[in-house]
């Protein structure tokens, strides 16, 4: 949930500023103000992000708006970019959109509810997403509906796709679903409350996710439970997994790291509830929101003190995205930041 605070005046700057071993490359005030859409990166370095006022923005690597596309209302969905450059995203105007890399509409698919679910793209180009109408959709790259699967409540999570094509997603009906690429139910797993955070799939196929029942779950690919860990948090954060299999998640007011066997490696409290996922850099640093008003890097093994922090206008309101060059893109609700840590060596 976006943490409300006073809007502060800001202007785009091309000047590089360095604070606490982090270089601020640029800051861009977002057209239309606030956002909870996470930035997505295309192979050419273009950044795509949606806003509360219904704009999908394409931003160049140097922080300038290349083009913009208007939907009728808020875009909360985070975009996904296909191999051919097509940009996919949903809007609260109940439509799911496909745009060309130049910002032209290719097609749109109308659903029966808001589309807050961020899409996932399969190897064959099929695009998966959920809707507040309670259905989960599979759409072909040409915009034709392949199938849809009904749950008994709204679907806001982003799906995760396994190597065998199995699609995992959660619903507010308290279940995590596993569907085949043909849309057939393989299994579903019932939790104690709504699932609003997206699942993550580890290299060994284990599915990790958090329910708002305060429990973090690990399931085998066949849907049986491997373990569970009660974290107590009610926020719908999605987990991230590093190359060593360590899990990082925000639960309630805490940053938490779990091992692959479910034991808690470390836990650090903050002053406010956090519901966005973190990010893991190539050298193992964990990028998180650290209230108030900072983006911070925690060590994978020692969470405190932070390796570095960077002061933003407000707290992070979306998941950060990290480019192959190590540039971190984060949003404080009103501005998109591009920052780069000075030290690229492992922590």
C-alpha atoms as a PDB file:
ATOM      1  CA  UNK A   1       0.000   0.000   0.000  1.00  0.00           C
ATOM      2  CA  UNK A   2       1.266   3.431  -0.890  1.00  0.00           C
ATOM      3  CA  UNK A   3       2.457   5.263   2.210  1.00  0.00           C
ATOM      4  CA  UNK A   4       0.879   8.685   2.089  1.00  0.00           C
ATOM      5  CA  UNK A   5       3.061  11.689   2.743  1.00  0.00           C
ATOM      6  CA  UNK A   6       3.354  15.278   1.615  1.00  0.00           C
ATOM      7  CA  UNK A   7       4.292  15.762  -2.016  1.00  0.00           C
ATOM      8  CA  UNK A   8       7.607  17.547  -2.337  1.00  0.00           C
ATOM      9  CA  UNK A   9       8.730  19.706  -5.246  1.00  0.00           C
ATOM     10  CA  UNK A  10      11.241  18.034  -7.533  1.00  0.00           C
ATOM     11  CA  UNK A  11      12.837  18.605 -10.908  1.00  0.00           C
ATOM     12  CA  UNK A  12      14.656  16.368 -13.356  1.00  0.00           C
ATOM     13  CA  UNK A  13      18.395  16.697 -13.058  1.00  0.00           C
ATOM     14  CA  UNK A  14      21.125  15.434 -15.332  1.00  0.00           C
ATOM     15  CA  UNK A  15      23.769  16.105 -12.675  1.00  0.00           C
ATOM     16  CA  UNK A  16      25.171  13.029 -10.961  1.00  0.00           C
ATOM     17  CA  UNK A  17      25.053  13.225  -7.170  1.00  0.00           C
ATOM     18  CA  UNK A  18      26.811  10.826  -4.825  1.00  0.00           C
ATOM     19  CA  UNK A  19      25.527  10.072  -1.345  1.00  0.00           C
ATOM     20  CA  UNK A  20      26.955   7.400   0.937  1.00  0.00           C
ATOM     21  CA  UNK A  21      28.707   5.497  -1.894  1.00  0.00           C
ATOM     22  CA  UNK A  22      25.660   5.655  -4.189  1.00  0.00           C
ATOM     23  CA  UNK A  23      25.450   7.808  -7.313  1.00  0.00           C
ATOM     24  CA  UNK A  24      22.108   9.340  -8.203  1.00  0.00           C
ATOM     25  CA  UNK A  25      22.077   9.342 -11.990  1.00  0.00           C
ATOM     26  CA  UNK A  26      18.745  11.124 -12.377  1.00  0.00           C
ATOM     27  CA  UNK A  27      15.301  11.695 -10.928  1.00  0.00           C
ATOM     28  CA  UNK A  28      12.155  12.051 -13.019  1.00  0.00           C
ATOM     29  CA  UNK A  29       8.874  13.423 -11.610  1.00  0.00           C
ATOM     30  CA  UNK A  30       6.195  11.109 -12.926  1.00  0.00           C
ATOM     31  CA  UNK A  31       3.530  12.490 -15.228  1.00  0.00           C
ATOM     32  CA  UNK A  32       0.256  12.354 -13.362  1.00  0.00           C
ATOM     33  CA  UNK A  33       1.888  12.060  -9.955  1.00  0.00           C
ATOM     34  CA  UNK A  34       1.738   8.884  -7.912  1.00  0.00           C
ATOM     35  CA  UNK A  35       2.303   5.276  -8.892  1.00  0.00           C
ATOM     36  CA  UNK A  36       2.431   1.762  -7.490  1.00  0.00           C
ATOM     37  CA  UNK A  37       3.539   0.291 -10.827  1.00  0.00           C
ATOM     38  CA  UNK A  38       7.050  -1.154 -10.730  1.00  0.00           C
ATOM     39  CA  UNK A  39       9.496  -0.088 -13.462  1.00  0.00           C
ATOM     40  CA  UNK A  40      10.134  -2.638 -16.224  1.00  0.00           C
ATOM     41  CA  UNK A  41      13.302  -2.704 -18.330  1.00  0.00           C
ATOM     42  CA  UNK A  42      13.563  -3.455 -22.034  1.00  0.00           C
ATOM     43  CA  UNK A  43      16.769  -4.876 -23.566  1.00  0.00           C
ATOM     44  CA  UNK A  44      17.542  -1.472 -25.135  1.00  0.00           C
ATOM     45  CA  UNK A  45      17.465   0.164 -21.681  1.00  0.00           C
ATOM     46  CA  UNK A  46      14.033   1.782 -22.010  1.00  0.00           C
ATOM     47  CA  UNK A  47      12.115   1.902 -18.721  1.00  0.00           C
ATOM     48  CA  UNK A  48       8.335   1.440 -18.736  1.00  0.00           C
ATOM     49  CA  UNK A  49       6.055   2.408 -15.859  1.00  0.00           C
ATOM     50  CA  UNK A  50       2.380   3.202 -15.255  1.00  0.00           C
ATOM     51  CA  UNK A  51       0.832   6.001 -13.181  1.00  0.00           C
ATOM     52  CA  UNK A  52      -2.299   6.627 -11.120  1.00  0.00           C
ATOM     53  CA  UNK A  53      -3.590   8.971 -13.841  1.00  0.00           C
ATOM     54  CA  UNK A  54      -3.587   6.221 -16.449  1.00  0.00           C
ATOM     55  CA  UNK A  55      -0.335   6.997 -18.268  1.00  0.00           C
ATOM     56  CA  UNK A  56       2.047   4.305 -19.468  1.00  0.00           C
ATOM     57  CA  UNK A  57       5.404   6.048 -19.789  1.00  0.00           C
ATOM     58  CA  UNK A  58       8.408   5.012 -21.859  1.00  0.00           C
ATOM     59  CA  UNK A  59      11.566   6.549 -20.397  1.00  0.00           C
ATOM     60  CA  UNK A  60      15.005   6.605 -21.994  1.00  0.00           C
ATOM     61  CA  UNK A  61      18.080   5.391 -20.066  1.00  0.00           C
ATOM     62  CA  UNK A  62      19.069   9.023 -19.431  1.00  0.00           C
ATOM     63  CA  UNK A  63      15.765   9.783 -17.683  1.00  0.00           C
ATOM     64  CA  UNK A  64      13.731  11.496 -20.414  1.00  0.00           C
ATOM     65  CA  UNK A  65      10.191  10.592 -21.467  1.00  0.00           C
ATOM     66  CA  UNK A  66      10.250   9.059 -24.966  1.00  0.00           C
ATOM     67  CA  UNK A  67       6.490   8.667 -25.338  1.00  0.00           C
ATOM     68  CA  UNK A  68       3.339   8.180 -23.303  1.00  0.00           C
ATOM     69  CA  UNK A  69       0.127   6.197 -23.777  1.00  0.00           C
ATOM     70  CA  UNK A  70      -3.125   7.078 -21.983  1.00  0.00           C
ATOM     71  CA  UNK A  71      -5.659   4.656 -20.552  1.00  0.00           C
ATOM     72  CA  UNK A  72      -8.865   5.823 -18.915  1.00  0.00           C
ATOM     73  CA  UNK A  73      -7.903   5.322 -15.263  1.00  0.00           C
ATOM     74  CA  UNK A  74      -5.136   4.139 -12.936  1.00  0.00           C
ATOM     75  CA  UNK A  75      -2.445   1.704 -14.019  1.00  0.00           C
ATOM     76  CA  UNK A  76      -1.331  -0.357 -11.036  1.00  0.00           C
ATOM     77  CA  UNK A  77      -0.057  -3.292 -13.098  1.00  0.00           C
ATOM     78  CA  UNK A  78       3.675  -3.419 -13.759  1.00  0.00           C
ATOM     79  CA  UNK A  79       4.499  -3.856 -17.461  1.00  0.00           C
ATOM     80  CA  UNK A  80       6.183  -6.872 -19.025  1.00  0.00           C
ATOM     81  CA  UNK A  81       8.227  -6.716 -22.238  1.00  0.00           C
ATOM     82  CA  UNK A  82       8.218  -9.531 -24.800  1.00  0.00           C
ATOM     83  CA  UNK A  83      11.198 -10.624 -26.892  1.00  0.00           C
ATOM     84  CA  UNK A  84       9.870  -8.626 -29.867  1.00  0.00           C
ATOM     85  CA  UNK A  85       9.608  -5.468 -27.738  1.00  0.00           C
ATOM     86  CA  UNK A  86       5.830  -5.590 -27.212  1.00  0.00           C
ATOM     87  CA  UNK A  87       4.812  -3.986 -23.905  1.00  0.00           C
ATOM     88  CA  UNK A  88       2.008  -5.695 -21.970  1.00  0.00           C
ATOM     89  CA  UNK A  89       0.165  -4.202 -18.988  1.00  0.00           C
ATOM     90  CA  UNK A  90      -3.263  -3.926 -17.377  1.00  0.00           C
ATOM     91  CA  UNK A  91      -5.354  -0.946 -16.303  1.00  0.00           C
ATOM     92  CA  UNK A  92      -8.214  -0.288 -13.934  1.00  0.00           C
ATOM     93  CA  UNK A  93     -10.296   0.575 -16.997  1.00  0.00           C
ATOM     94  CA  UNK A  94     -10.744  -3.249 -17.130  1.00  0.00           C
ATOM     95  CA  UNK A  95      -8.550  -3.642 -20.188  1.00  0.00           C
ATOM     96  CA  UNK A  96      -5.286  -5.447 -20.802  1.00  0.00           C
ATOM     97  CA  UNK A  97      -3.065  -3.702 -23.379  1.00  0.00           C
ATOM     98  CA  UNK A  98      -0.350  -4.603 -25.873  1.00  0.00           C
ATOM     99  CA  UNK A  99       1.729  -1.711 -27.267  1.00  0.00           C
ATOM    100  CA  UNK A 100       4.486  -1.555 -29.853  1.00  0.00           C
ATOM    101  CA  UNK A 101       7.938  -0.299 -28.778  1.00  0.00           C
ATOM    102  CA  UNK A 102       6.932   3.070 -30.285  1.00  0.00           C
ATOM    103  CA  UNK A 103       3.826   3.319 -28.095  1.00  0.00           C
ATOM    104  CA  UNK A 104       1.158   2.375 -30.627  1.00  0.00           C
ATOM    105  CA  UNK A 105      -1.747   0.163 -29.618  1.00  0.00           C
ATOM    106  CA  UNK A 106      -1.510  -3.373 -31.020  1.00  0.00           C
ATOM    107  CA  UNK A 107      -4.593  -4.719 -29.268  1.00  0.00           C
ATOM    108  CA  UNK A 108      -6.473  -4.749 -25.993  1.00  0.00           C
ATOM    109  CA  UNK A 109      -8.376  -7.503 -24.181  1.00  0.00           C
ATOM    110  CA  UNK A 110     -11.388  -6.470 -22.104  1.00  0.00           C
ATOM    111  CA  UNK A 111     -12.068  -8.215 -18.787  1.00  0.00           C
ATOM    112  CA  UNK A 112     -14.866  -7.900 -16.257  1.00  0.00           C
ATOM    113  CA  UNK A 113     -12.827  -6.101 -13.605  1.00  0.00           C
ATOM    114  CA  UNK A 114      -9.755  -4.053 -12.783  1.00  0.00           C
ATOM    115  CA  UNK A 115      -6.497  -5.525 -14.074  1.00  0.00           C
ATOM    116  CA  UNK A 116      -3.922  -4.965 -11.308  1.00  0.00           C
ATOM    117  CA  UNK A 117      -2.140  -8.261 -11.946  1.00  0.00           C
ATOM    118  CA  UNK A 118       1.244  -7.779 -13.582  1.00  0.00           C
ATOM    119  CA  UNK A 119       1.610 -10.087 -16.598  1.00  0.00           C
ATOM    120  CA  UNK A 120       4.035 -12.940 -17.157  1.00  0.00           C
ATOM    121  CA  UNK A 121       5.136 -14.071 -20.616  1.00  0.00           C
ATOM    122  CA  UNK A 122       5.687 -17.749 -21.427  1.00  0.00           C
ATOM    123  CA  UNK A 123       8.364 -19.089 -23.770  1.00  0.00           C
ATOM    124  CA  UNK A 124       5.801 -19.444 -26.578  1.00  0.00           C
ATOM    125  CA  UNK A 125       4.714 -15.807 -26.172  1.00  0.00           C
ATOM    126  CA  UNK A 126       1.485 -16.516 -24.289  1.00  0.00           C
ATOM    127  CA  UNK A 127       0.696 -13.733 -21.819  1.00  0.00           C
ATOM    128  CA  UNK A 128      -0.839 -14.617 -18.454  1.00  0.00           C
ATOM    129  CA  UNK A 129      -2.577 -12.233 -16.048  1.00  0.00           C
ATOM    130  CA  UNK A 130      -5.441 -12.055 -13.556  1.00  0.00           C
ATOM    131  CA  UNK A 131      -8.378  -9.701 -13.090  1.00  0.00           C
ATOM    132  CA  UNK A 132     -10.660  -8.462 -10.344  1.00  0.00           C
ATOM    133  CA  UNK A 133     -13.419 -10.370 -12.148  1.00  0.00           C
ATOM    134  CA  UNK A 134     -11.994 -13.507 -10.493  1.00  0.00           C
ATOM    135  CA  UNK A 135     -10.600 -14.985 -13.708  1.00  0.00           C
ATOM    136  CA  UNK A 136      -7.087 -15.802 -14.818  1.00  0.00           C
ATOM    137  CA  UNK A 137      -6.375 -15.165 -18.513  1.00  0.00           C
ATOM    138  CA  UNK A 138      -4.105 -16.643 -21.183  1.00  0.00           C
ATOM    139  CA  UNK A 139      -3.814 -14.480 -24.292  1.00  0.00           C
ATOM    140  CA  UNK A 140      -1.896 -15.248 -27.485  1.00  0.00           C
ATOM    141  CA  UNK A 141       0.640 -12.704 -28.803  1.00  0.00           C
ATOM    142  CA  UNK A 142      -1.873 -11.653 -31.484  1.00  0.00           C
ATOM    143  CA  UNK A 143      -4.427 -10.703 -28.811  1.00  0.00           C
ATOM    144  CA  UNK A 144      -6.732 -13.716 -29.160  1.00  0.00           C
ATOM    145  CA  UNK A 145      -7.985 -15.219 -25.904  1.00  0.00           C
ATOM    146  CA  UNK A 146      -6.646 -18.759 -25.559  1.00  0.00           C
ATOM    147  CA  UNK A 147      -8.504 -19.556 -22.355  1.00  0.00           C
ATOM    148  CA  UNK A 148      -9.545 -18.192 -18.987  1.00  0.00           C
ATOM    149  CA  UNK A 149      -9.829 -19.950 -15.648  1.00  0.00           C
ATOM    150  CA  UNK A 150     -12.335 -18.915 -12.973  1.00  0.00           C
ATOM    151  CA  UNK A 151     -11.448 -18.660  -9.288  1.00  0.00           C
ATOM    152  CA  UNK A 152     -13.983 -17.681  -6.651  1.00  0.00           C
ATOM    153  CA  UNK A 153     -12.504 -14.249  -5.898  1.00  0.00           C
ATOM    154  CA  UNK A 154     -10.367 -11.527  -7.434  1.00  0.00           C
ATOM    155  CA  UNK A 155      -6.860 -12.195  -8.769  1.00  0.00           C
ATOM    156  CA  UNK A 156      -4.258  -9.445  -8.263  1.00  0.00           C
ATOM    157  CA  UNK A 157      -1.020 -11.429  -8.099  1.00  0.00           C
ATOM    158  CA  UNK A 158       1.489 -11.699 -10.902  1.00  0.00           C
ATOM    159  CA  UNK A 159       1.852 -15.290 -12.115  1.00  0.00           C
ATOM    160  CA  UNK A 160       5.068 -17.312 -12.062  1.00  0.00           C
ATOM    161  CA  UNK A 161       5.858 -19.770 -14.864  1.00  0.00           C
ATOM    162  CA  UNK A 162       7.868 -22.934 -14.260  1.00  0.00           C
ATOM    163  CA  UNK A 163      10.222 -24.516 -16.767  1.00  0.00           C
ATOM    164  CA  UNK A 164       7.644 -27.174 -17.648  1.00  0.00           C
ATOM    165  CA  UNK A 165       5.059 -24.500 -18.474  1.00  0.00           C
ATOM    166  CA  UNK A 166       3.078 -24.783 -15.230  1.00  0.00           C
ATOM    167  CA  UNK A 167       1.607 -21.419 -14.229  1.00  0.00           C
ATOM    168  CA  UNK A 168       1.291 -20.510 -10.536  1.00  0.00           C
ATOM    169  CA  UNK A 169      -0.793 -17.656  -9.132  1.00  0.00           C
ATOM    170  CA  UNK A 170      -2.727 -16.745  -6.004  1.00  0.00           C
ATOM    171  CA  UNK A 171      -6.281 -15.515  -5.489  1.00  0.00           C
ATOM    172  CA  UNK A 172      -8.258 -13.702  -2.831  1.00  0.00           C
ATOM    173  CA  UNK A 173     -10.181 -16.988  -2.450  1.00  0.00           C
ATOM    174  CA  UNK A 174      -7.172 -18.010  -0.273  1.00  0.00           C
ATOM    175  CA  UNK A 175      -5.799 -20.548  -2.782  1.00  0.00           C
ATOM    176  CA  UNK A 176      -2.572 -20.845  -4.731  1.00  0.00           C
ATOM    177  CA  UNK A 177      -3.300 -22.398  -8.126  1.00  0.00           C
ATOM    178  CA  UNK A 178      -1.187 -24.485 -10.490  1.00  0.00           C
ATOM    179  CA  UNK A 179      -2.484 -24.635 -14.075  1.00  0.00           C
ATOM    180  CA  UNK A 180      -1.156 -26.390 -17.152  1.00  0.00           C
ATOM    181  CA  UNK A 181      -0.357 -24.287 -20.198  1.00  0.00           C
ATOM    182  CA  UNK A 182      -3.686 -25.504 -21.615  1.00  0.00           C
ATOM    183  CA  UNK A 183      -5.557 -23.957 -18.673  1.00  0.00           C
ATOM    184  CA  UNK A 184      -6.317 -27.180 -16.809  1.00  0.00           C
ATOM    185  CA  UNK A 185      -6.146 -27.261 -13.024  1.00  0.00           C
ATOM    186  CA  UNK A 186      -3.224 -29.362 -11.782  1.00  0.00           C
ATOM    187  CA  UNK A 187      -3.795 -28.577  -8.117  1.00  0.00           C
ATOM    188  CA  UNK A 188      -4.706 -25.821  -5.681  1.00  0.00           C
ATOM    189  CA  UNK A 189      -3.447 -25.189  -2.160  1.00  0.00           C
ATOM    190  CA  UNK A 190      -5.660 -23.572   0.468  1.00  0.00           C
ATOM    191  CA  UNK A 191      -4.220 -21.066   2.958  1.00  0.00           C
ATOM    192  CA  UNK A 192      -5.884 -19.221   5.813  1.00  0.00           C
ATOM    193  CA  UNK A 193      -6.400 -15.860   4.096  1.00  0.00           C
ATOM    194  CA  UNK A 194      -6.198 -13.910   0.845  1.00  0.00           C
ATOM    195  CA  UNK A 195      -3.107 -14.269  -1.335  1.00  0.00           C
ATOM    196  CA  UNK A 196      -2.109 -10.882  -2.688  1.00  0.00           C
ATOM    197  CA  UNK A 197       1.621 -11.435  -3.153  1.00  0.00           C
ATOM    198  CA  UNK A 198       3.065 -13.186  -6.180  1.00  0.00           C
ATOM    199  CA  UNK A 199       4.821 -16.567  -5.914  1.00  0.00           C
ATOM    200  CA  UNK A 200       8.490 -17.192  -6.687  1.00  0.00           C
ATOM    201  CA  UNK A 201       9.974 -20.387  -8.114  1.00  0.00           C
ATOM    202  CA  UNK A 202      13.398 -21.509  -6.937  1.00  0.00           C
ATOM    203  CA  UNK A 203      15.941 -23.256  -9.158  1.00  0.00           C
ATOM    204  CA  UNK A 204      14.915 -26.628  -7.705  1.00  0.00           C
ATOM    205  CA  UNK A 205      11.261 -26.018  -8.564  1.00  0.00           C
ATOM    206  CA  UNK A 206      10.050 -25.198  -5.046  1.00  0.00           C
ATOM    207  CA  UNK A 207       7.292 -22.571  -5.010  1.00  0.00           C
ATOM    208  CA  UNK A 208       7.522 -19.883  -2.327  1.00  0.00           C
ATOM    209  CA  UNK A 209       4.738 -17.469  -1.429  1.00  0.00           C
ATOM    210  CA  UNK A 210       3.246 -15.518   1.438  1.00  0.00           C
ATOM    211  CA  UNK A 211      -0.412 -15.370   2.447  1.00  0.00           C
ATOM    212  CA  UNK A 212      -2.041 -12.601   4.452  1.00  0.00           C
ATOM    213  CA  UNK A 213      -2.661 -15.279   7.112  1.00  0.00           C
ATOM    214  CA  UNK A 214       0.859 -14.410   8.305  1.00  0.00           C
ATOM    215  CA  UNK A 215       2.427 -17.649   7.057  1.00  0.00           C
ATOM    216  CA  UNK A 216       5.172 -18.101   4.477  1.00  0.00           C
ATOM    217  CA  UNK A 217       4.778 -21.332   2.485  1.00  0.00           C
ATOM    218  CA  UNK A 218       7.089 -23.623   0.514  1.00  0.00           C
ATOM    219  CA  UNK A 219       5.376 -26.124  -1.815  1.00  0.00           C
ATOM    220  CA  UNK A 220       6.751 -28.891  -3.980  1.00  0.00           C
ATOM    221  CA  UNK A 221       5.896 -28.808  -7.699  1.00  0.00           C
ATOM    222  CA  UNK A 222       3.190 -31.443  -7.074  1.00  0.00           C
ATOM    223  CA  UNK A 223       1.403 -29.094  -4.654  1.00  0.00           C
ATOM    224  CA  UNK A 224       2.355 -30.833  -1.411  1.00  0.00           C
ATOM    225  CA  UNK A 225       3.660 -28.707   1.424  1.00  0.00           C
ATOM    226  CA  UNK A 226       7.393 -28.795   2.062  1.00  0.00           C
ATOM    227  CA  UNK A 227       7.370 -26.464   5.034  1.00  0.00           C
ATOM    228  CA  UNK A 228       5.741 -23.360   6.439  1.00  0.00           C
ATOM    229  CA  UNK A 229       7.077 -20.564   8.634  1.00  0.00           C
ATOM    230  CA  UNK A 230       4.835 -18.277  10.641  1.00  0.00           C
ATOM    231  CA  UNK A 231       6.136 -14.752  10.159  1.00  0.00           C
ATOM    232  CA  UNK A 232       3.061 -13.002  11.512  1.00  0.00           C
ATOM    233  CA  UNK A 233       2.989 -10.324   8.835  1.00  0.00           C
ATOM    234  CA  UNK A 234      -0.262  -9.394   7.145  1.00  0.00           C
ATOM    235  CA  UNK A 235       1.253  -7.568   4.190  1.00  0.00           C
ATOM    236  CA  UNK A 236       1.204  -9.177   0.721  1.00  0.00           C
ATOM    237  CA  UNK A 237       4.883  -8.961  -0.183  1.00  0.00           C
ATOM    238  CA  UNK A 238       6.300 -11.240  -2.880  1.00  0.00           C
ATOM    239  CA  UNK A 239       9.500 -13.162  -2.100  1.00  0.00           C
ATOM    240  CA  UNK A 240      12.752 -13.017  -4.046  1.00  0.00           C
ATOM    241  CA  UNK A 241      15.339 -15.808  -4.111  1.00  0.00           C
ATOM    242  CA  UNK A 242      19.070 -15.313  -4.624  1.00  0.00           C
ATOM    243  CA  UNK A 243      21.524 -17.579  -6.457  1.00  0.00           C
ATOM    244  CA  UNK A 244      22.287 -19.500  -3.250  1.00  0.00           C
ATOM    245  CA  UNK A 245      18.623 -20.272  -2.570  1.00  0.00           C
ATOM    246  CA  UNK A 246      18.226 -17.717   0.222  1.00  0.00           C
ATOM    247  CA  UNK A 247      14.760 -16.152   0.409  1.00  0.00           C
ATOM    248  CA  UNK A 248      14.024 -12.507   1.137  1.00  0.00           C
ATOM    249  CA  UNK A 249      10.567 -11.152   1.933  1.00  0.00           C
ATOM    250  CA  UNK A 250       8.912  -8.259   3.722  1.00  0.00           C
ATOM    251  CA  UNK A 251       6.421  -9.355   6.355  1.00  0.00           C
ATOM    252  CA  UNK A 252       4.432  -6.843   8.354  1.00  0.00           C
ATOM    253  CA  UNK A 253       6.987  -4.284   9.526  1.00  0.00           C
ATOM    254  CA  UNK A 254       9.989  -6.574   9.072  1.00  0.00           C
ATOM    255  CA  UNK A 255      12.600  -7.441   6.484  1.00  0.00           C
ATOM    256  CA  UNK A 256      13.098 -11.211   6.721  1.00  0.00           C
ATOM    257  CA  UNK A 257      15.515 -13.700   5.190  1.00  0.00           C
ATOM    258  CA  UNK A 258      14.782 -17.431   5.230  1.00  0.00           C
ATOM    259  CA  UNK A 259      16.966 -20.372   4.276  1.00  0.00           C
ATOM    260  CA  UNK A 260      15.754 -22.992   1.805  1.00  0.00           C
ATOM    261  CA  UNK A 261      14.753 -25.227   4.763  1.00  0.00           C
ATOM    262  CA  UNK A 262      12.463 -22.542   6.204  1.00  0.00           C
ATOM    263  CA  UNK A 263      14.606 -21.391   9.116  1.00  0.00           C
ATOM    264  CA  UNK A 264      14.886 -17.655   9.728  1.00  0.00           C
ATOM    265  CA  UNK A 265      18.366 -16.385   8.860  1.00  0.00           C
ATOM    266  CA  UNK A 266      17.764 -12.831  10.000  1.00  0.00           C
ATOM    267  CA  UNK A 267      14.937 -10.428  10.696  1.00  0.00           C
ATOM    268  CA  UNK A 268      15.049  -6.650  10.974  1.00  0.00           C
ATOM    269  CA  UNK A 269      12.125  -4.448  12.066  1.00  0.00           C
ATOM    270  CA  UNK A 270      11.086  -1.109  10.575  1.00  0.00           C
ATOM    271  CA  UNK A 271       8.597   1.457  11.796  1.00  0.00           C
ATOM    272  CA  UNK A 272       5.873   0.866   9.211  1.00  0.00           C
ATOM    273  CA  UNK A 273       4.203  -2.000   7.316  1.00  0.00           C
ATOM    274  CA  UNK A 274       5.888  -2.880   4.015  1.00  0.00           C
ATOM    275  CA  UNK A 275       4.213  -4.725   1.167  1.00  0.00           C
ATOM    276  CA  UNK A 276       6.586  -4.444  -1.788  1.00  0.00           C
ATOM    277  CA  UNK A 277       9.198  -7.016  -2.733  1.00  0.00           C
ATOM    278  CA  UNK A 278      12.896  -6.294  -2.599  1.00  0.00           C
ATOM    279  CA  UNK A 279      15.493  -6.935  -5.267  1.00  0.00           C
ATOM    280  CA  UNK A 280      18.748  -8.886  -5.357  1.00  0.00           C
ATOM    281  CA  UNK A 281      21.770  -7.536  -7.230  1.00  0.00           C
ATOM    282  CA  UNK A 282      24.234  -9.692  -9.175  1.00  0.00           C
ATOM    283  CA  UNK A 283      26.701  -9.436  -6.292  1.00  0.00           C
ATOM    284  CA  UNK A 284      24.150 -10.564  -3.698  1.00  0.00           C
ATOM    285  CA  UNK A 285      23.043  -7.300  -2.137  1.00  0.00           C
ATOM    286  CA  UNK A 286      19.370  -7.049  -1.154  1.00  0.00           C
ATOM    287  CA  UNK A 287      17.704  -3.776  -2.161  1.00  0.00           C
ATOM    288  CA  UNK A 288      14.858  -2.754   0.159  1.00  0.00           C
ATOM    289  CA  UNK A 289      12.798   0.164   1.388  1.00  0.00           C
ATOM    290  CA  UNK A 290      14.041   1.461   4.729  1.00  0.00           C
ATOM    291  CA  UNK A 291      11.565   3.899   6.304  1.00  0.00           C
ATOM    292  CA  UNK A 292      11.637   6.705   6.414  1.00  0.00           C
ATOM    293  CA  UNK A 293      12.493   7.835   2.908  1.00  0.00           C
ATOM    294  CA  UNK A 294      15.457   5.636   2.041  1.00  0.00           C
ATOM    295  CA  UNK A 295      16.350   2.880  -0.371  1.00  0.00           C
ATOM    296  CA  UNK A 296      18.922   0.644   1.296  1.00  0.00           C
ATOM    297  CA  UNK A 297      21.138  -2.336   0.592  1.00  0.00           C
ATOM    298  CA  UNK A 298      21.311  -5.175   3.084  1.00  0.00           C
ATOM    299  CA  UNK A 299      23.943  -7.888   3.044  1.00  0.00           C
ATOM    300  CA  UNK A 300      22.707 -11.349   2.141  1.00  0.00           C
ATOM    301  CA  UNK A 301      24.173 -12.779   5.359  1.00  0.00           C
ATOM    302  CA  UNK A 302      24.312  -9.765   7.690  1.00  0.00           C
ATOM    303  CA  UNK A 303      21.324  -7.475   7.411  1.00  0.00           C
ATOM    304  CA  UNK A 304      22.457  -4.641   9.680  1.00  0.00           C
ATOM    305  CA  UNK A 305      23.804  -2.059   9.374  1.00  0.00           C
ATOM    306  CA  UNK A 306      22.978  -1.401   5.703  1.00  0.00           C
ATOM    307  CA  UNK A 307      25.839  -1.560   3.226  1.00  0.00           C
ATOM    308  CA  UNK A 308      24.583   1.760   1.890  1.00  0.00           C
ATOM    309  CA  UNK A 309      21.450   3.863   1.802  1.00  0.00           C
ATOM    310  CA  UNK A 310      20.088   6.548  -0.466  1.00  0.00           C
ATOM    311  CA  UNK A 311      17.610   9.182   0.646  1.00  0.00           C
ATOM    312  CA  UNK A 312      14.493   9.478  -1.518  1.00  0.00           C
ATOM    313  CA  UNK A 313      11.529  11.831  -1.242  1.00  0.00           C
ATOM    314  CA  UNK A 314       9.295   9.148   0.254  1.00  0.00           C
ATOM    315  CA  UNK A 315       9.589   5.401   0.830  1.00  0.00           C
ATOM    316  CA  UNK A 316       9.796   2.947  -2.024  1.00  0.00           C
ATOM    317  CA  UNK A 317       6.245   2.258  -3.210  1.00  0.00           C
ATOM    318  CA  UNK A 318       7.057  -0.447  -5.769  1.00  0.00           C
ATOM    319  CA  UNK A 319       9.552  -3.237  -6.279  1.00  0.00           C
ATOM    320  CA  UNK A 320      12.937  -1.918  -7.493  1.00  0.00           C
ATOM    321  CA  UNK A 321      14.346  -3.155 -10.778  1.00  0.00           C
ATOM    322  CA  UNK A 322      18.049  -3.703 -11.377  1.00  0.00           C
ATOM    323  CA  UNK A 323      19.701  -3.509 -14.788  1.00  0.00           C
ATOM    324  CA  UNK A 324      22.540  -5.806 -15.923  1.00  0.00           C
ATOM    325  CA  UNK A 325      24.871  -2.827 -15.429  1.00  0.00           C
ATOM    326  CA  UNK A 326      23.852  -2.613 -11.755  1.00  0.00           C
ATOM    327  CA  UNK A 327      21.685   0.506 -12.079  1.00  0.00           C
ATOM    328  CA  UNK A 328      18.788   0.401  -9.610  1.00  0.00           C
ATOM    329  CA  UNK A 329      15.450   1.917 -10.629  1.00  0.00           C
ATOM    330  CA  UNK A 330      13.121   2.738  -7.760  1.00  0.00           C
ATOM    331  CA  UNK A 331       9.966   4.758  -7.234  1.00  0.00           C
ATOM    332  CA  UNK A 332       9.077   6.807  -4.170  1.00  0.00           C
ATOM    333  CA  UNK A 333       5.480   7.249  -5.304  1.00  0.00           C
ATOM    334  CA  UNK A 334       6.013  10.503  -7.169  1.00  0.00           C
ATOM    335  CA  UNK A 335       9.441  10.177  -8.791  1.00  0.00           C
ATOM    336  CA  UNK A 336      11.420   7.544 -10.656  1.00  0.00           C
ATOM    337  CA  UNK A 337      15.048   7.362  -9.514  1.00  0.00           C
ATOM    338  CA  UNK A 338      18.067   5.831 -11.219  1.00  0.00           C
ATOM    339  CA  UNK A 339      20.913   5.164  -8.784  1.00  0.00           C
ATOM    340  CA  UNK A 340      24.091   3.126  -8.964  1.00  0.00           C
ATOM    341  CA  UNK A 341      26.153   1.844  -6.038  1.00  0.00           C
ATOM    342  CA  UNK A 342      29.813   2.806  -6.284  1.00  0.00           C
ATOM    343  CA  UNK A 343      31.031  -0.546  -4.943  1.00  0.00           C
ATOM    344  CA  UNK A 344      30.146  -3.504  -7.184  1.00  0.00           C
ATOM    345  CA  UNK A 345      32.125  -6.088  -5.220  1.00  0.00           C
ATOM    346  CA  UNK A 346      30.248  -8.786  -3.243  1.00  0.00           C
ATOM    347  CA  UNK A 347      29.294  -7.806   0.304  1.00  0.00           C
END
